[in-house]
Amino acid sequence: RGRTSSPLAVSRAAMPTLFEDTFVVDTVDADGRKFDLVSRLEAHSDKFDMRLKLDVNVDVYPLNKSQQRFVLLLADTLNLDGTRDPEEGVYTEALMQGKPSLADKYEYVMYGKVFKVVPGAVGGAAHEIIASFGGLLMSLKGAAQELKDLKRDLRVFILIRKVDV
């Protein structure tokens, strides 16, 4: 008899996840607030020992308390099966018509582009990924192995949800 897989099973290769970890907010607006509705968070991660700087529209998503925990996921599509839509990243009515997606599991979603990759020096220096989400910036530093799928000019979604302490 041949083996059959569950219709819900998705191969790991088809998963859209490029990076995922849980972060703890260390500081908010450490250099002062530059814009009324935007805060710059600095956070560290639990699993991969990453350092994150992230601009967040705190008027829309108030993630601005020290020691607050959140899950951050970077993905190249919102489709659960990993496929890409021809107009992905462009708002369309079809996007909002009930098709299940990764966004359903998160509270704050932005779309942007990796514009700089700073490789770590030999000997363990941190690799850095810098992306822009409509002018809101993200810097993610850590082990190159964990960030290997994030390349320059890659279009990415950042998805965030708060978690209980």
Protein backbone atom coordinates (compact mmCIF):
# COMPACT_ATOMS: atom_id res chain seq x y z
CA ARG A 1 0.00 0.00 0.00
CA GLY A 2 1.19 3.48 -0.78
CA ARG A 3 1.42 6.05 1.96
CA THR A 4 -0.86 9.03 1.80
CA SER A 5 -0.27 12.24 3.60
CA SER A 6 -2.79 14.37 5.36
CA PRO A 7 -4.39 16.99 3.11
CA LEU A 8 -3.29 19.56 5.69
CA ALA A 9 0.34 18.48 5.60
CA VAL A 10 2.61 20.96 3.86
CA SER A 11 6.20 20.18 3.05
CA ARG A 12 8.81 22.26 4.88
CA ALA A 13 10.13 23.43 1.50
CA ALA A 14 6.75 24.99 0.72
CA MET A 15 6.50 26.88 4.00
CA PRO A 16 6.83 30.65 3.55
CA THR A 17 8.69 31.20 6.83
CA LEU A 18 12.16 32.73 6.40
CA PHE A 19 12.76 33.51 10.09
CA GLU A 20 10.76 33.21 13.32
CA ASP A 21 11.64 33.86 16.96
CA THR A 22 10.21 35.29 20.17
CA PHE A 23 11.59 38.66 21.26
CA VAL A 24 11.57 40.66 24.49
CA VAL A 25 11.48 44.46 24.28
CA ASP A 26 14.56 45.96 25.97
CA THR A 27 14.07 49.66 25.25
CA VAL A 28 11.61 51.94 23.50
CA ASP A 29 12.78 55.16 21.83
CA ALA A 30 16.21 54.99 23.51
CA ASP A 31 17.41 57.91 21.33
CA GLY A 32 14.21 59.90 21.80
CA ARG A 33 11.05 59.83 19.75
CA LYS A 34 11.47 61.21 16.23
CA PHE A 35 7.84 60.85 15.05
CA ASP A 36 4.53 61.12 16.92
CA LEU A 37 3.11 57.78 15.83
CA VAL A 38 6.27 55.68 15.49
CA SER A 39 8.47 54.15 18.16
CA ARG A 40 11.78 52.38 17.67
CA LEU A 41 11.98 49.18 19.70
CA GLU A 42 15.17 47.40 20.64
CA ALA A 43 14.70 43.77 21.57
CA HIS A 44 16.52 40.49 21.97
CA SER A 45 15.33 37.01 21.07
CA ASP A 46 15.10 33.87 23.14
CA LYS A 47 15.85 31.07 20.70
CA PHE A 48 18.51 32.42 18.32
CA ASP A 49 20.10 35.21 20.40
CA MET A 50 19.18 37.89 17.84
CA ARG A 51 19.22 41.65 18.32
CA LEU A 52 16.39 43.61 16.74
CA LYS A 53 15.71 47.29 16.11
CA LEU A 54 12.25 47.85 14.69
CA ASP A 55 10.13 50.90 13.92
CA VAL A 56 6.47 50.27 14.80
CA ASN A 57 3.41 52.45 14.21
CA VAL A 58 2.34 52.50 17.87
CA ASP A 59 -0.86 54.36 17.03
CA VAL A 60 -2.00 51.27 15.13
CA TYR A 61 -0.19 48.63 17.19
CA PRO A 62 0.93 49.70 20.69
CA LEU A 63 3.96 47.48 21.21
CA ASN A 64 5.92 49.88 23.33
CA LYS A 65 6.35 48.52 26.83
CA SER A 66 9.69 47.38 28.16
CA GLN A 67 9.82 43.61 28.79
CA GLN A 68 6.85 42.97 26.50
CA ARG A 69 7.20 39.72 24.53
CA PHE A 70 6.24 39.18 20.90
CA VAL A 71 6.66 36.64 18.13
CA LEU A 72 8.21 37.99 14.93
CA LEU A 73 7.96 36.08 11.67
CA LEU A 74 9.49 37.02 8.33
CA ALA A 75 7.92 35.39 5.27
CA ASP A 76 8.04 35.87 1.53
CA THR A 77 4.32 35.14 1.07
CA LEU A 78 1.19 35.12 3.18
CA ASN A 79 -0.11 31.94 1.52
CA LEU A 80 -0.08 29.02 3.93
CA ASP A 81 1.17 26.63 1.22
CA GLY A 82 4.12 28.87 0.29
CA THR A 83 2.86 29.80 -3.19
CA ARG A 84 3.13 33.39 -4.36
CA ASP A 85 0.35 35.44 -5.88
CA PRO A 86 1.13 37.54 -8.97
CA GLU A 87 0.06 40.72 -7.17
CA GLU A 88 1.44 39.85 -3.74
CA GLY A 89 2.33 42.92 -1.74
CA VAL A 90 -0.29 44.97 -3.56
CA TYR A 91 -3.53 45.62 -1.71
CA THR A 92 -6.49 44.14 -3.57
CA GLU A 93 -10.06 43.42 -2.51
CA ALA A 94 -9.37 39.72 -3.14
CA LEU A 95 -6.68 39.81 -0.45
CA MET A 96 -9.32 40.67 2.13
CA GLN A 97 -12.04 38.22 1.01
CA GLY A 98 -11.56 35.48 3.55
CA LYS A 99 -8.78 33.40 2.03
CA PRO A 100 -6.88 31.85 4.98
CA SER A 101 -3.37 33.25 5.32
CA LEU A 102 -0.47 33.68 7.73
CA ALA A 103 -1.86 37.12 8.57
CA ASP A 104 -4.81 35.44 10.31
CA LYS A 105 -2.46 34.27 13.07
CA TYR A 106 -0.82 37.65 13.71
CA GLU A 107 -1.89 41.10 14.88
CA TYR A 108 0.43 43.42 12.93
CA VAL A 109 1.62 42.86 9.35
CA MET A 110 3.83 45.00 7.11
CA TYR A 111 5.25 44.43 3.63
CA GLY A 112 8.68 45.62 2.60
CA LYS A 113 12.06 44.91 1.12
CA VAL A 114 15.46 43.82 2.38
CA PHE A 115 17.76 46.56 1.13
CA LYS A 116 21.03 45.71 2.83
CA VAL A 117 22.79 42.59 4.05
CA VAL A 118 25.93 43.10 6.11
CA PRO A 119 27.80 39.80 6.39
CA GLY A 120 29.46 39.04 9.70
CA ALA A 121 33.22 38.81 9.76
CA VAL A 122 34.85 35.42 10.01
CA GLY A 123 35.07 34.43 13.63
CA GLY A 124 31.50 34.90 14.74
CA ALA A 125 30.63 38.58 14.21
CA ALA A 126 26.89 39.12 13.78
CA HIS A 127 25.27 39.09 10.35
CA GLU A 128 22.86 42.03 9.85
CA ILE A 129 19.74 42.29 7.73
CA ILE A 130 18.25 45.75 7.13
CA ALA A 131 14.77 46.10 5.65
CA SER A 132 12.30 48.90 5.05
CA PHE A 133 8.55 48.56 5.42
CA GLY A 134 7.18 51.71 3.84
CA GLY A 135 9.87 53.75 5.61
CA LEU A 136 9.62 51.89 8.92
CA LEU A 137 13.01 50.24 9.37
CA MET A 138 14.14 46.92 10.76
CA SER A 139 17.66 45.84 11.67
CA LEU A 140 18.06 42.19 12.63
CA LYS A 141 21.48 40.97 13.81
CA GLY A 142 22.59 37.49 14.65
CA ALA A 143 24.06 34.24 13.42
CA ALA A 144 24.38 34.09 9.64
CA GLN A 145 22.99 30.54 9.61
CA GLU A 146 19.63 31.76 10.95
CA LEU A 147 19.42 34.64 8.47
CA LYS A 148 20.68 32.81 5.38
CA ASP A 149 17.33 32.95 3.55
CA LEU A 150 17.13 36.76 3.74
CA LYS A 151 18.80 38.19 0.63
CA ARG A 152 19.16 41.73 -0.71
CA ASP A 153 16.13 42.93 -2.72
CA LEU A 154 13.91 40.19 -1.27
CA ARG A 155 10.31 41.29 -0.72
CA VAL A 156 9.19 40.21 2.74
CA PHE A 157 6.25 40.33 5.09
CA ILE A 158 6.89 40.97 8.77
CA LEU A 159 4.22 39.55 11.05
CA ILE A 160 4.01 40.23 14.78
CA ARG A 161 1.81 39.07 17.64
CA LYS A 162 2.17 39.72 21.36
CA VAL A 163 2.61 36.78 23.69
CA ASP A 164 1.92 36.51 27.40
CA VAL A 165 4.85 36.70 29.76
